[in-house]
C-alpha atoms as a PDB file:
ATOM      1  CA  MET A   1     144.296 177.495   8.320  1.00  0.00           C
ATOM      2  CA  LYS A   2     142.146 180.557   7.602  1.00  0.00           C
ATOM      3  CA  TYR A   3     142.961 183.363   5.167  1.00  0.00           C
ATOM      4  CA  THR A   4     141.791 186.809   4.123  1.00  0.00           C
ATOM      5  CA  LEU A   5     141.286 188.258   0.658  1.00  0.00           C
ATOM      6  CA  CYS A   6     140.627 191.973   0.248  1.00  0.00           C
ATOM      7  CA  PHE A   7     139.696 193.945  -2.844  1.00  0.00           C
ATOM      8  CA  LEU A   8     140.560 197.631  -2.604  1.00  0.00           C
ATOM      9  CA  LYS A   9     138.514 199.843  -4.885  1.00  0.00           C
ATOM     10  CA  LYS A  10     139.502 203.321  -6.100  1.00  0.00           C
ATOM     11  CA  GLU A  11     137.049 204.995  -8.481  1.00  0.00           C
ATOM     12  CA  ASN A  12     136.544 202.400 -11.249  1.00  0.00           C
ATOM     13  CA  GLU A  13     139.647 200.350 -10.519  1.00  0.00           C
ATOM     14  CA  VAL A  14     140.583 197.504  -8.189  1.00  0.00           C
ATOM     15  CA  LEU A  15     144.032 196.931  -6.705  1.00  0.00           C
ATOM     16  CA  MET A  16     145.366 193.585  -7.904  1.00  0.00           C
ATOM     17  CA  LEU A  17     148.507 191.671  -6.960  1.00  0.00           C
ATOM     18  CA  LEU A  18     150.490 189.646  -9.494  1.00  0.00           C
ATOM     19  CA  ARG A  19     151.490 186.806  -7.180  1.00  0.00           C
ATOM     20  CA  ALA A  20     155.179 185.991  -6.962  1.00  0.00           C
ATOM     21  CA  LYS A  21     154.526 182.940  -4.749  1.00  0.00           C
ATOM     22  CA  GLU A  22     152.318 179.869  -4.734  1.00  0.00           C
ATOM     23  CA  PRO A  23     149.417 179.395  -4.638  1.00  0.00           C
ATOM     24  CA  ASN A  24     148.424 181.082  -7.885  1.00  0.00           C
ATOM     25  CA  LYS A  25     151.968 182.200  -8.738  1.00  0.00           C
ATOM     26  CA  GLY A  26     151.909 184.340 -11.906  1.00  0.00           C
ATOM     27  CA  LYS A  27     148.186 185.142 -11.551  1.00  0.00           C
ATOM     28  CA  TRP A  28     146.493 188.392 -10.521  1.00  0.00           C
ATOM     29  CA  ASN A  29     144.605 188.258  -7.225  1.00  0.00           C
ATOM     30  CA  GLY A  30     143.357 190.528  -4.477  1.00  0.00           C
ATOM     31  CA  VAL A  31     145.611 191.083  -1.460  1.00  0.00           C
ATOM     32  CA  GLY A  32     145.541 189.054   1.721  1.00  0.00           C
ATOM     33  CA  GLY A  33     147.005 186.066   3.459  1.00  0.00           C
ATOM     34  CA  LYS A  34     147.009 183.886   6.545  1.00  0.00           C
ATOM     35  CA  ILE A  35     145.134 184.938   9.649  1.00  0.00           C
ATOM     36  CA  GLU A  36     147.426 184.677  12.680  1.00  0.00           C
ATOM     37  CA  ILE A  37     146.233 182.619  15.664  1.00  0.00           C
ATOM     38  CA  SER A  38     145.715 185.723  17.831  1.00  0.00           C
ATOM     39  CA  GLU A  39     143.832 187.700  15.144  1.00  0.00           C
ATOM     40  CA  THR A  40     140.232 188.117  14.100  1.00  0.00           C
ATOM     41  CA  PRO A  41     139.572 188.017  10.340  1.00  0.00           C
ATOM     42  CA  ASP A  42     139.176 191.842  10.383  1.00  0.00           C
ATOM     43  CA  GLU A  43     142.545 192.284  12.101  1.00  0.00           C
ATOM     44  CA  GLY A  44     144.220 189.827   9.740  1.00  0.00           C
ATOM     45  CA  CYS A  45     142.799 191.668   6.741  1.00  0.00           C
ATOM     46  CA  LYS A  46     144.100 195.036   7.957  1.00  0.00           C
ATOM     47  CA  ARG A  47     147.562 193.616   8.717  1.00  0.00           C
ATOM     48  CA  GLU A  48     147.875 191.774   5.401  1.00  0.00           C
ATOM     49  CA  VAL A  49     146.784 194.826   3.388  1.00  0.00           C
ATOM     50  CA  LEU A  50     149.328 196.996   5.227  1.00  0.00           C
ATOM     51  CA  GLU A  51     152.134 194.446   4.792  1.00  0.00           C
ATOM     52  CA  GLU A  52     151.432 193.798   1.102  1.00  0.00           C
ATOM     53  CA  THR A  53     150.520 197.315  -0.058  1.00  0.00           C
ATOM     54  CA  GLY A  54     151.553 199.929   2.523  1.00  0.00           C
ATOM     55  CA  LEU A  55     147.916 201.079   2.632  1.00  0.00           C
ATOM     56  CA  ILE A  56     146.078 201.512   5.931  1.00  0.00           C
ATOM     57  CA  LEU A  57     142.463 200.355   5.898  1.00  0.00           C
ATOM     58  CA  ARG A  58     140.198 202.797   7.700  1.00  0.00           C
ATOM     59  CA  LYS A  59     137.191 200.565   7.060  1.00  0.00           C
ATOM     60  CA  GLN A  60     136.604 197.265   5.340  1.00  0.00           C
ATOM     61  CA  ILE A  61     133.345 195.435   4.722  1.00  0.00           C
ATOM     62  CA  PHE A  62     132.976 191.689   5.195  1.00  0.00           C
ATOM     63  CA  LYS A  63     131.533 190.223   1.986  1.00  0.00           C
ATOM     64  CA  GLY A  64     131.522 186.519   2.779  1.00  0.00           C
ATOM     65  CA  LEU A  65     133.655 183.423   2.495  1.00  0.00           C
ATOM     66  CA  ILE A  66     135.297 181.482  -0.274  1.00  0.00           C
ATOM     67  CA  ALA A  67     134.941 177.748   0.239  1.00  0.00           C
ATOM     68  CA  LEU A  68     137.355 175.399  -1.493  1.00  0.00           C
ATOM     69  CA  ASN A  69     135.713 172.004  -2.004  1.00  0.00           C
ATOM     70  CA  GLY A  70     133.233 172.873   0.757  1.00  0.00           C
ATOM     71  CA  ASN A  71     135.865 174.073   3.267  1.00  0.00           C
ATOM     72  CA  GLU A  72     135.090 177.698   4.171  1.00  0.00           C
ATOM     73  CA  CYS A  73     138.586 179.090   4.580  1.00  0.00           C
ATOM     74  CA  ILE A  74     138.968 182.540   2.967  1.00  0.00           C
ATOM     75  CA  TYR A  75     137.292 185.611   4.487  1.00  0.00           C
ATOM     76  CA  VAL A  76     136.529 188.127   1.730  1.00  0.00           C
ATOM     77  CA  PHE A  77     136.512 191.893   2.283  1.00  0.00           C
ATOM     78  CA  VAL A  78     136.160 195.031   0.186  1.00  0.00           C
ATOM     79  CA  SER A  79     137.307 198.557   0.989  1.00  0.00           C
ATOM     80  CA  ASN A  80     137.215 201.952  -0.641  1.00  0.00           C
ATOM     81  CA  ASP A  81     138.265 203.693   2.585  1.00  0.00           C
ATOM     82  CA  PHE A  82     142.051 203.568   2.966  1.00  0.00           C
ATOM     83  CA  GLU A  83     145.059 205.864   3.074  1.00  0.00           C
ATOM     84  CA  GLY A  84     148.747 205.837   2.324  1.00  0.00           C
ATOM     85  CA  ASP A  85     151.017 205.197  -0.632  1.00  0.00           C
ATOM     86  CA  LEU A  86     151.654 201.888  -2.355  1.00  0.00           C
ATOM     87  CA  ILE A  87     154.962 200.251  -1.483  1.00  0.00           C
ATOM     88  CA  PRO A  88     156.772 197.423  -3.299  1.00  0.00           C
ATOM     89  CA  SER A  89     155.870 193.984  -1.978  1.00  0.00           C
ATOM     90  CA  GLU A  90     157.796 190.734  -1.983  1.00  0.00           C
ATOM     91  CA  GLU A  91     154.402 189.088  -2.497  1.00  0.00           C
ATOM     92  CA  GLY A  92     154.303 190.444  -6.075  1.00  0.00           C
ATOM     93  CA  SER A  93     153.574 193.455  -8.270  1.00  0.00           C
ATOM     94  CA  LEU A  94     150.634 195.739  -7.482  1.00  0.00           C
ATOM     95  CA  GLU A  95     148.533 197.492 -10.136  1.00  0.00           C
ATOM     96  CA  TRP A  96     145.162 199.195 -10.318  1.00  0.00           C
ATOM     97  CA  LYS A  97     143.054 197.262 -12.860  1.00  0.00           C
ATOM     98  CA  SER A  98     139.710 198.040 -14.492  1.00  0.00           C
ATOM     99  CA  MET A  99     136.748 195.753 -13.915  1.00  0.00           C
ATOM    100  CA  GLU A 100     136.646 195.036 -17.646  1.00  0.00           C
ATOM    101  CA  TRP A 101     140.252 193.832 -17.520  1.00  0.00           C
ATOM    102  CA  ILE A 102     139.631 191.670 -14.435  1.00  0.00           C
ATOM    103  CA  LEU A 103     136.582 190.034 -16.007  1.00  0.00           C
ATOM    104  CA  SER A 104     138.281 189.273 -19.316  1.00  0.00           C
ATOM    105  CA  SER A 105     141.927 188.519 -18.502  1.00  0.00           C
ATOM    106  CA  ARG A 106     143.160 184.926 -18.530  1.00  0.00           C
ATOM    107  CA  ASP A 107     145.862 186.069 -16.082  1.00  0.00           C
ATOM    108  CA  VAL A 108     143.427 186.535 -13.178  1.00  0.00           C
ATOM    109  CA  VAL A 109     142.895 183.715 -10.644  1.00  0.00           C
ATOM    110  CA  GLU A 110     140.132 181.771 -12.358  1.00  0.00           C
ATOM    111  CA  ASN A 111     137.418 182.046  -9.688  1.00  0.00           C
ATOM    112  CA  ILE A 112     137.654 185.823  -9.178  1.00  0.00           C
ATOM    113  CA  PRO A 113     135.568 186.830 -12.236  1.00  0.00           C
ATOM    114  CA  LEU A 114     132.784 184.584 -10.873  1.00  0.00           C
ATOM    115  CA  PHE A 115     132.279 186.620  -7.691  1.00  0.00           C
ATOM    116  CA  ILE A 116     134.121 189.966  -7.846  1.00  0.00           C
ATOM    117  CA  GLU A 117     131.179 192.033  -9.106  1.00  0.00           C
ATOM    118  CA  ASP A 118     129.052 190.806  -6.210  1.00  0.00           C
ATOM    119  CA  VAL A 119     131.861 191.418  -3.690  1.00  0.00           C
ATOM    120  CA  LEU A 120     132.398 194.973  -4.951  1.00  0.00           C
ATOM    121  CA  ASP A 121     128.667 195.746  -4.655  1.00  0.00           C
ATOM    122  CA  ILE A 122     128.618 197.335  -1.191  1.00  0.00           C
ATOM    123  CA  SER A 123     124.847 196.789  -0.897  1.00  0.00           C
ATOM    124  CA  SER A 124     124.943 193.015  -1.508  1.00  0.00           C
ATOM    125  CA  GLU A 125     124.661 190.593   1.400  1.00  0.00           C
ATOM    126  CA  PRO A 126     127.662 188.442   2.403  1.00  0.00           C
ATOM    127  CA  LYS A 127     127.727 185.094   0.621  1.00  0.00           C
ATOM    128  CA  VAL A 128     129.627 181.824   0.524  1.00  0.00           C
ATOM    129  CA  TYR A 129     131.330 181.316  -2.832  1.00  0.00           C
ATOM    130  CA  ASN A 130     131.960 177.575  -3.092  1.00  0.00           C
ATOM    131  CA  CYS A 131     134.569 176.546  -5.645  1.00  0.00           C
ATOM    132  CA  SER A 132     134.979 172.847  -6.379  1.00  0.00           C
ATOM    133  CA  TYR A 133     138.228 171.460  -7.781  1.00  0.00           C
ATOM    134  CA  SER A 134     139.349 168.093  -9.101  1.00  0.00           C
ATOM    135  CA  GLU A 135     142.418 166.316  -7.742  1.00  0.00           C
ATOM    136  CA  THR A 136     144.420 167.856 -10.598  1.00  0.00           C
ATOM    137  CA  GLY A 137     143.376 171.384  -9.558  1.00  0.00           C
ATOM    138  CA  GLU A 138     140.860 171.986 -12.351  1.00  0.00           C
ATOM    139  CA  MET A 139     137.755 173.945 -11.327  1.00  0.00           C
ATOM    140  CA  THR A 140     134.761 171.646 -11.662  1.00  0.00           C
ATOM    141  CA  GLY A 141     131.990 173.707 -10.078  1.00  0.00           C
ATOM    142  CA  PHE A 142     130.942 177.001  -8.569  1.00  0.00           C
ATOM    143  CA  HIS A 143     127.862 177.870  -6.551  1.00  0.00           C
ATOM    144  CA  VAL A 144     126.801 180.700  -4.274  1.00  0.00           C
ATOM    145  CA  LYS A 145     124.634 180.758  -1.155  1.00  0.00           C
ATOM    146  CA  LEU A 146     123.846 183.432   1.405  1.00  0.00           C
ATOM    147  CA  PHE A 147     126.214 183.568   4.371  1.00  0.00           C
ATOM    148  CA  GLN A 148     124.439 182.358   7.503  1.00  0.00           C
ATOM    149  CA  THR A 149     125.459 183.753  10.876  1.00  0.00           C
ATOM    150  CA  ASN A 150     124.874 181.547  13.897  1.00  0.00           C
END
């Protein structure tokens, strides 16, 4: 199964979702979800953002992949080019958060502070953000490499 994760940026704030469902229930995350069989990652990102926020992406930038224990499964995007008004979501509460808050809050999904600054830097190259976890779900490692296209 493949997923998308998108960080929407407005001025100095990032739209975050307080997840109402597992995984990461009760933690703040970007928006996104499962890519449908008939979709590209770009299409899945646009659909998930619309469903979860009511916002229409005019343009999103691919920033790489999150790998969980070496399995590259989450396509990461950033956008500051969108329109519309936020709507309530059954996925959780939406709020615009400052970078300082995201980097310091214990309520953010634990791997996000490790890569969000790089993802939000429009000029940075796409990367693979590999997060290693123990069997109990504890993060045991994090490393970054450039994304290689074939």
